[in-house]
Amino acid sequence: MQIILILLLGLGIGGAVAWLWANAKSNSELATYKIQAEGDLRVAETTISDLRAKQIESRSEIDTKNQELSTLQQQLRAEGSGAG
């Protein structure tokens, strides 16, 4: 009877130690993945910021080109009206 109790106690303690070890190992691996994910997030945020700046610059260039086009169309209309 004592042997069975000692065996069960040993299994319980062994199981608890194994669970604690596995839990610590998984937390360590998760911490590594978390650090990597945070780094990836910073890179993504920088990329998004750069793309937004380029988008603003492109929109400004488009607005400028549209203004130039509008001016040229008005000049063309004026020349067409004056020649007729």
C-alpha atoms as a PDB file:
ATOM      1  CA  MET A   1       0.000   0.000   0.000  1.00  0.00           C
ATOM      2  CA  GLN A   2       2.798   2.432   0.853  1.00  0.00           C
ATOM      3  CA  ILE A   3       4.570   1.559  -2.367  1.00  0.00           C
ATOM      4  CA  ILE A   4       1.468   2.482  -4.363  1.00  0.00           C
ATOM      5  CA  LEU A   5       1.130   5.800  -2.495  1.00  0.00           C
ATOM      6  CA  ILE A   6       4.815   6.604  -3.008  1.00  0.00           C
ATOM      7  CA  LEU A   7       4.494   5.672  -6.684  1.00  0.00           C
ATOM      8  CA  LEU A   8       1.405   7.868  -7.123  1.00  0.00           C
ATOM      9  CA  LEU A   9       3.091  10.713  -5.237  1.00  0.00           C
ATOM     10  CA  GLY A  10       6.176  10.370  -7.456  1.00  0.00           C
ATOM     11  CA  LEU A  11       4.026  10.368 -10.580  1.00  0.00           C
ATOM     12  CA  GLY A  12       2.178  13.451  -9.370  1.00  0.00           C
ATOM     13  CA  ILE A  13       5.355  15.334  -8.539  1.00  0.00           C
ATOM     14  CA  GLY A  14       6.962  14.207 -11.810  1.00  0.00           C
ATOM     15  CA  GLY A  15       3.903  15.321 -13.753  1.00  0.00           C
ATOM     16  CA  ALA A  16       3.891  18.701 -12.022  1.00  0.00           C
ATOM     17  CA  VAL A  17       7.601  19.218 -12.718  1.00  0.00           C
ATOM     18  CA  ALA A  18       7.135  18.187 -16.366  1.00  0.00           C
ATOM     19  CA  TRP A  19       4.181  20.553 -16.720  1.00  0.00           C
ATOM     20  CA  LEU A  20       6.140  23.445 -15.183  1.00  0.00           C
ATOM     21  CA  TRP A  21       9.116  22.753 -17.469  1.00  0.00           C
ATOM     22  CA  ALA A  22       6.916  22.561 -20.574  1.00  0.00           C
ATOM     23  CA  ASN A  23       5.087  25.744 -19.573  1.00  0.00           C
ATOM     24  CA  ALA A  24       8.366  27.621 -19.030  1.00  0.00           C
ATOM     25  CA  LYS A  25       9.700  26.382 -22.375  1.00  0.00           C
ATOM     26  CA  SER A  26       6.560  27.442 -24.255  1.00  0.00           C
ATOM     27  CA  ASN A  27       6.648  30.871 -22.548  1.00  0.00           C
ATOM     28  CA  SER A  28      10.264  31.253 -23.620  1.00  0.00           C
ATOM     29  CA  GLU A  29       9.403  30.351 -27.227  1.00  0.00           C
ATOM     30  CA  LEU A  30       6.423  32.691 -27.178  1.00  0.00           C
ATOM     31  CA  ALA A  31       8.634  35.514 -25.919  1.00  0.00           C
ATOM     32  CA  THR A  32      10.963  34.938 -28.865  1.00  0.00           C
ATOM     33  CA  TYR A  33       8.052  35.022 -31.308  1.00  0.00           C
ATOM     34  CA  LYS A  34       6.693  38.135 -29.606  1.00  0.00           C
ATOM     35  CA  ILE A  35      10.012  39.958 -30.015  1.00  0.00           C
ATOM     36  CA  GLN A  36      10.159  38.915 -33.673  1.00  0.00           C
ATOM     37  CA  ALA A  37       6.554  39.997 -34.249  1.00  0.00           C
ATOM     38  CA  GLU A  38       7.221  43.388 -32.655  1.00  0.00           C
ATOM     39  CA  GLY A  39      10.191  43.868 -34.971  1.00  0.00           C
ATOM     40  CA  ASP A  40       8.074  42.903 -37.973  1.00  0.00           C
ATOM     41  CA  LEU A  41       5.407  45.337 -36.817  1.00  0.00           C
ATOM     42  CA  ARG A  42       7.919  48.194 -36.649  1.00  0.00           C
ATOM     43  CA  VAL A  43       9.086  47.396 -40.178  1.00  0.00           C
ATOM     44  CA  ALA A  44       5.482  47.296 -41.405  1.00  0.00           C
ATOM     45  CA  GLU A  45       4.687  50.617 -39.729  1.00  0.00           C
ATOM     46  CA  THR A  46       7.737  52.224 -41.340  1.00  0.00           C
ATOM     47  CA  THR A  47       6.732  50.829 -44.730  1.00  0.00           C
ATOM     48  CA  ILE A  48       3.183  52.144 -44.327  1.00  0.00           C
ATOM     49  CA  SER A  49       4.508  55.557 -43.329  1.00  0.00           C
ATOM     50  CA  ASP A  50       6.787  55.645 -46.380  1.00  0.00           C
ATOM     51  CA  LEU A  51       3.972  54.566 -48.682  1.00  0.00           C
ATOM     52  CA  ARG A  52       1.644  57.236 -47.282  1.00  0.00           C
ATOM     53  CA  ALA A  53       4.300  59.896 -47.877  1.00  0.00           C
ATOM     54  CA  LYS A  54       4.739  58.687 -51.455  1.00  0.00           C
ATOM     55  CA  GLN A  55       0.963  58.684 -51.923  1.00  0.00           C
ATOM     56  CA  ILE A  56       0.735  62.296 -50.748  1.00  0.00           C
ATOM     57  CA  GLU A  57       3.604  63.259 -53.059  1.00  0.00           C
ATOM     58  CA  SER A  58       1.963  61.462 -55.999  1.00  0.00           C
ATOM     59  CA  ARG A  59      -1.370  63.158 -55.337  1.00  0.00           C
ATOM     60  CA  SER A  60       0.369  66.518 -55.288  1.00  0.00           C
ATOM     61  CA  GLU A  61       2.042  65.752 -58.611  1.00  0.00           C
ATOM     62  CA  ILE A  62      -1.295  64.653 -60.088  1.00  0.00           C
ATOM     63  CA  ASP A  63      -2.957  67.859 -58.883  1.00  0.00           C
ATOM     64  CA  THR A  64      -0.161  69.900 -60.459  1.00  0.00           C
ATOM     65  CA  LYS A  65      -0.460  68.000 -63.755  1.00  0.00           C
ATOM     66  CA  ASN A  66      -4.252  68.386 -63.723  1.00  0.00           C
ATOM     67  CA  GLN A  67      -3.847  72.135 -63.202  1.00  0.00           C
ATOM     68  CA  GLU A  68      -1.375  72.304 -66.094  1.00  0.00           C
ATOM     69  CA  LEU A  69      -3.748  70.295 -68.284  1.00  0.00           C
ATOM     70  CA  SER A  70      -6.631  72.585 -67.404  1.00  0.00           C
ATOM     71  CA  THR A  71      -4.548  75.644 -68.263  1.00  0.00           C
ATOM     72  CA  LEU A  72      -3.493  74.128 -71.600  1.00  0.00           C
ATOM     73  CA  GLN A  73      -7.106  73.208 -72.426  1.00  0.00           C
ATOM     74  CA  GLN A  74      -8.206  76.781 -71.712  1.00  0.00           C
ATOM     75  CA  GLN A  75      -5.422  78.134 -73.913  1.00  0.00           C
ATOM     76  CA  LEU A  76      -6.406  75.726 -76.694  1.00  0.00           C
ATOM     77  CA  ARG A  77     -10.050  76.802 -76.449  1.00  0.00           C
ATOM     78  CA  ALA A  78      -9.045  80.462 -76.513  1.00  0.00           C
ATOM     79  CA  GLU A  79      -6.895  79.914 -79.608  1.00  0.00           C
ATOM     80  CA  GLY A  80      -9.709  77.962 -81.248  1.00  0.00           C
ATOM     81  CA  SER A  81     -12.226  80.729 -80.539  1.00  0.00           C
ATOM     82  CA  GLY A  82      -9.892  83.457 -81.769  1.00  0.00           C
ATOM     83  CA  ALA A  83      -9.156  81.692 -85.054  1.00  0.00           C
ATOM     84  CA  GLY A  84     -12.829  81.099 -85.899  1.00  0.00           C
END
